[in-house]
């Protein structure tokens, strides 16, 4: 028994595209689970920059400067973190 593993049906399988993205654009966040997405974007130092709730609409990243960010997505109490790269336009 491996206590650190996560069952495949518990993962959200986040897909963020386009990634990398230009800093005046939007990204789509797709997951294997359906439902309202609580989305939080952090800079590399852990500072929360965006907190929002999405259904099917894209995430506006126009307020973020170029760099690497972490995106935490939560649906129905399950969370997963993915990397997002933003490039200068």
N, C-alpha and C. Protein backbone atom coordinates (compact mmCIF):
# COMPACT_ATOMS: atom_id res chain seq x y z
N UNK A 1 0.84 -1.18 0.00
CA UNK A 1 0.00 0.00 0.00
C UNK A 1 0.89 1.24 0.00
N UNK A 2 0.66 2.13 -0.94
CA UNK A 2 1.41 3.37 -1.06
C UNK A 2 0.54 4.52 -0.56
N UNK A 3 0.85 5.05 0.61
CA UNK A 3 0.01 6.08 1.22
C UNK A 3 0.15 7.45 0.57
N UNK A 4 1.18 7.67 -0.22
CA UNK A 4 1.39 8.97 -0.83
C UNK A 4 0.79 9.09 -2.22
N UNK A 5 0.27 8.02 -2.75
CA UNK A 5 -0.28 8.08 -4.11
C UNK A 5 -1.67 8.69 -4.12
N UNK A 6 -2.06 9.18 -5.29
CA UNK A 6 -3.39 9.75 -5.49
C UNK A 6 -4.09 8.91 -6.54
N UNK A 7 -5.28 8.46 -6.25
CA UNK A 7 -6.04 7.70 -7.22
C UNK A 7 -6.30 8.59 -8.43
N UNK A 8 -6.27 7.98 -9.62
CA UNK A 8 -6.48 8.74 -10.85
C UNK A 8 -7.82 9.46 -10.86
N UNK A 9 -8.85 8.88 -10.26
CA UNK A 9 -10.16 9.52 -10.28
C UNK A 9 -10.25 10.71 -9.32
N UNK A 10 -9.23 10.93 -8.51
CA UNK A 10 -9.22 12.08 -7.60
C UNK A 10 -8.47 13.27 -8.19
N UNK A 11 -7.76 13.07 -9.29
CA UNK A 11 -7.00 14.15 -9.91
C UNK A 11 -7.90 15.00 -10.78
N UNK A 12 -7.56 16.28 -10.87
CA UNK A 12 -8.32 17.20 -11.72
C UNK A 12 -7.77 17.23 -13.14
N UNK A 13 -6.53 16.78 -13.33
CA UNK A 13 -5.89 16.79 -14.65
C UNK A 13 -6.05 18.14 -15.33
N UNK A 14 -5.46 19.17 -14.73
CA UNK A 14 -5.56 20.53 -15.24
C UNK A 14 -4.81 20.67 -16.56
N UNK A 15 -5.47 21.33 -17.51
CA UNK A 15 -4.84 21.72 -18.77
C UNK A 15 -5.09 23.21 -18.93
N UNK A 16 -4.00 23.98 -18.96
CA UNK A 16 -4.10 25.43 -19.14
C UNK A 16 -3.51 25.76 -20.51
N UNK A 17 -4.30 26.40 -21.35
CA UNK A 17 -3.80 26.72 -22.69
C UNK A 17 -4.37 28.06 -23.16
N UNK A 18 -3.64 28.80 -23.99
CA UNK A 18 -2.27 28.50 -24.39
C UNK A 18 -1.31 28.72 -23.22
N UNK A 19 -0.25 27.99 -23.20
CA UNK A 19 0.75 28.09 -22.13
C UNK A 19 2.10 27.72 -22.72
N UNK A 20 2.98 28.70 -22.94
CA UNK A 20 2.95 30.08 -22.48
C UNK A 20 1.92 30.93 -23.21
N UNK A 21 1.59 32.06 -22.57
CA UNK A 21 0.59 32.98 -23.09
C UNK A 21 1.15 34.39 -23.06
N UNK A 22 0.68 35.23 -23.98
CA UNK A 22 1.09 36.64 -23.96
C UNK A 22 0.37 37.36 -22.83
N UNK A 23 1.00 38.39 -22.27
CA UNK A 23 0.46 39.06 -21.08
C UNK A 23 -0.75 39.93 -21.33
N UNK A 24 -1.25 40.01 -22.56
CA UNK A 24 -2.47 40.77 -22.81
C UNK A 24 -3.61 39.85 -23.27
N UNK A 25 -3.56 38.61 -22.85
CA UNK A 25 -4.47 37.61 -23.39
C UNK A 25 -5.25 36.90 -22.27
N UNK A 26 -5.93 35.84 -22.67
CA UNK A 26 -6.71 34.99 -21.76
C UNK A 26 -6.21 33.57 -21.87
N UNK A 27 -6.40 32.77 -20.81
CA UNK A 27 -6.10 31.35 -20.87
C UNK A 27 -7.37 30.57 -20.53
N UNK A 28 -7.46 29.39 -21.09
CA UNK A 28 -8.56 28.48 -20.79
C UNK A 28 -8.04 27.44 -19.81
N UNK A 29 -8.84 27.18 -18.78
CA UNK A 29 -8.48 26.15 -17.79
C UNK A 29 -9.46 25.01 -17.94
N UNK A 30 -8.95 23.87 -18.38
CA UNK A 30 -9.78 22.69 -18.60
C UNK A 30 -9.40 21.64 -17.56
N UNK A 31 -10.39 20.96 -17.01
CA UNK A 31 -10.14 19.91 -16.02
C UNK A 31 -10.98 18.69 -16.35
N UNK A 32 -10.63 17.57 -15.73
CA UNK A 32 -11.39 16.34 -15.93
C UNK A 32 -12.69 16.36 -15.13
N UNK A 33 -12.77 17.23 -14.12
CA UNK A 33 -13.98 17.34 -13.30
C UNK A 33 -14.83 18.51 -13.78
N UNK A 34 -16.12 18.34 -13.71
CA UNK A 34 -17.04 19.41 -14.07
C UNK A 34 -17.43 20.20 -12.84
N UNK A 35 -17.81 21.44 -13.04
CA UNK A 35 -18.27 22.26 -11.92
C UNK A 35 -17.57 23.59 -11.90
N UNK A 36 -17.98 24.40 -10.93
CA UNK A 36 -17.42 25.72 -10.75
C UNK A 36 -15.96 25.60 -10.29
N UNK A 37 -15.08 26.39 -10.92
CA UNK A 37 -13.66 26.34 -10.60
C UNK A 37 -13.28 27.54 -9.75
N UNK A 38 -12.75 27.28 -8.58
CA UNK A 38 -12.13 28.34 -7.78
C UNK A 38 -10.68 28.40 -8.22
N UNK A 39 -10.25 29.56 -8.71
CA UNK A 39 -8.91 29.70 -9.28
C UNK A 39 -8.14 30.76 -8.50
N UNK A 40 -6.92 30.42 -8.13
CA UNK A 40 -6.04 31.38 -7.47
C UNK A 40 -4.69 31.33 -8.17
N UNK A 41 -4.17 32.50 -8.53
CA UNK A 41 -2.88 32.61 -9.21
C UNK A 41 -1.88 33.23 -8.25
N UNK A 42 -0.72 32.57 -8.10
CA UNK A 42 0.34 33.01 -7.20
C UNK A 42 1.59 33.34 -8.00
N UNK A 43 2.34 34.34 -7.53
CA UNK A 43 3.65 34.55 -8.13
C UNK A 43 4.62 33.53 -7.53
N UNK A 44 5.85 33.56 -8.00
CA UNK A 44 6.84 32.56 -7.59
C UNK A 44 7.20 32.67 -6.11
N UNK A 45 6.89 33.83 -5.49
CA UNK A 45 7.15 34.03 -4.06
C UNK A 45 5.97 33.62 -3.19
N UNK A 46 4.88 33.18 -3.81
CA UNK A 46 3.72 32.72 -3.05
C UNK A 46 2.68 33.79 -2.80
N UNK A 47 2.85 34.98 -3.36
CA UNK A 47 1.87 36.05 -3.18
C UNK A 47 0.67 35.81 -4.09
N UNK A 48 -0.52 35.86 -3.53
CA UNK A 48 -1.75 35.66 -4.30
C UNK A 48 -2.03 36.92 -5.11
N UNK A 49 -2.17 36.74 -6.44
CA UNK A 49 -2.38 37.88 -7.34
C UNK A 49 -3.78 37.91 -7.93
N UNK A 50 -4.38 36.77 -8.15
CA UNK A 50 -5.73 36.68 -8.70
C UNK A 50 -6.49 35.62 -7.92
N UNK A 51 -7.69 35.95 -7.49
CA UNK A 51 -8.61 34.98 -6.88
C UNK A 51 -9.96 35.18 -7.56
N UNK A 52 -10.46 34.12 -8.19
CA UNK A 52 -11.71 34.25 -8.93
C UNK A 52 -12.41 32.90 -9.01
N UNK A 53 -13.63 32.93 -9.48
CA UNK A 53 -14.40 31.72 -9.73
C UNK A 53 -14.80 31.71 -11.20
N UNK A 54 -14.55 30.59 -11.86
CA UNK A 54 -14.85 30.46 -13.28
C UNK A 54 -15.79 29.29 -13.52
N UNK A 55 -16.60 29.40 -14.55
CA UNK A 55 -17.40 28.26 -15.01
C UNK A 55 -16.80 27.80 -16.33
N UNK A 56 -17.23 28.36 -17.43
CA UNK A 56 -16.68 27.98 -18.73
C UNK A 56 -15.85 29.10 -19.34
N UNK A 57 -15.85 30.27 -18.71
CA UNK A 57 -15.16 31.43 -19.27
C UNK A 57 -13.65 31.33 -19.06
N UNK A 58 -12.86 32.01 -19.91
CA UNK A 58 -11.40 32.00 -19.75
C UNK A 58 -10.95 32.92 -18.62
N UNK A 59 -9.70 32.74 -18.22
CA UNK A 59 -9.08 33.56 -17.18
C UNK A 59 -8.31 34.70 -17.83
N UNK A 60 -8.60 35.93 -17.44
CA UNK A 60 -7.92 37.12 -17.94
C UNK A 60 -6.58 37.26 -17.22
N UNK A 61 -5.48 37.22 -17.98
CA UNK A 61 -4.15 37.36 -17.39
C UNK A 61 -3.50 38.69 -17.78
N UNK A 62 -4.30 39.64 -18.27
CA UNK A 62 -3.75 40.90 -18.76
C UNK A 62 -3.12 41.77 -17.67
N UNK A 63 -3.47 41.53 -16.41
CA UNK A 63 -2.89 42.32 -15.32
C UNK A 63 -1.56 41.76 -14.82
N UNK A 64 -1.16 40.60 -15.34
CA UNK A 64 0.08 39.96 -14.89
C UNK A 64 1.23 40.32 -15.82
N UNK A 65 2.40 40.56 -15.24
CA UNK A 65 3.58 40.82 -16.05
C UNK A 65 4.22 39.49 -16.44
N UNK A 66 5.20 39.55 -17.32
CA UNK A 66 5.84 38.32 -17.77
C UNK A 66 6.51 37.62 -16.59
N UNK A 67 6.45 36.30 -16.61
CA UNK A 67 7.05 35.51 -15.54
C UNK A 67 6.40 34.15 -15.40
N UNK A 68 6.76 33.45 -14.35
CA UNK A 68 6.23 32.11 -14.06
C UNK A 68 5.30 32.22 -12.87
N UNK A 69 4.13 31.63 -13.00
CA UNK A 69 3.10 31.69 -11.96
C UNK A 69 2.60 30.28 -11.64
N UNK A 70 2.03 30.13 -10.46
CA UNK A 70 1.38 28.89 -10.06
C UNK A 70 -0.12 29.14 -10.01
N UNK A 71 -0.88 28.22 -10.60
CA UNK A 71 -2.33 28.34 -10.65
C UNK A 71 -2.92 27.19 -9.84
N UNK A 72 -3.64 27.53 -8.78
CA UNK A 72 -4.31 26.53 -7.95
C UNK A 72 -5.79 26.50 -8.34
N UNK A 73 -6.25 25.34 -8.80
CA UNK A 73 -7.65 25.17 -9.21
C UNK A 73 -8.31 24.21 -8.23
N UNK A 74 -9.49 24.60 -7.72
CA UNK A 74 -10.25 23.76 -6.80
C UNK A 74 -11.65 23.57 -7.35
N UNK A 75 -12.07 22.30 -7.44
CA UNK A 75 -13.42 21.94 -7.86
C UNK A 75 -13.94 20.89 -6.89
N UNK A 76 -15.09 21.17 -6.29
CA UNK A 76 -15.72 20.22 -5.37
C UNK A 76 -14.76 19.72 -4.30
N UNK A 77 -13.94 20.61 -3.74
CA UNK A 77 -13.04 20.27 -2.66
C UNK A 77 -11.74 19.62 -3.09
N UNK A 78 -11.54 19.37 -4.38
CA UNK A 78 -10.30 18.79 -4.88
C UNK A 78 -9.47 19.88 -5.53
N UNK A 79 -8.19 19.94 -5.18
CA UNK A 79 -7.31 20.99 -5.69
C UNK A 79 -6.13 20.41 -6.43
N UNK A 80 -5.64 21.18 -7.38
CA UNK A 80 -4.43 20.81 -8.10
C UNK A 80 -3.75 22.09 -8.54
N UNK A 81 -2.41 22.06 -8.57
CA UNK A 81 -1.62 23.23 -8.94
C UNK A 81 -0.90 22.95 -10.26
N UNK A 82 -0.89 23.98 -11.11
CA UNK A 82 -0.21 23.88 -12.39
C UNK A 82 0.60 25.15 -12.62
N UNK A 83 1.59 25.06 -13.49
CA UNK A 83 2.46 26.19 -13.80
C UNK A 83 1.91 26.95 -15.01
N UNK A 84 2.02 28.27 -14.97
CA UNK A 84 1.62 29.14 -16.08
C UNK A 84 2.78 30.09 -16.39
N UNK A 85 3.13 30.16 -17.67
CA UNK A 85 4.19 31.05 -18.11
C UNK A 85 3.59 32.18 -18.92
N UNK A 86 3.92 33.41 -18.54
CA UNK A 86 3.42 34.60 -19.23
C UNK A 86 4.59 35.31 -19.89
N UNK A 87 4.41 35.61 -21.18
CA UNK A 87 5.44 36.29 -21.98
C UNK A 87 5.01 37.72 -22.27
N UNK A 88 5.99 38.62 -22.45
CA UNK A 88 5.70 40.00 -22.85
C UNK A 88 5.12 40.02 -24.24
N UNK A 89 4.19 40.91 -24.46
CA UNK A 89 3.58 41.06 -25.77
C UNK A 89 4.48 41.86 -26.68
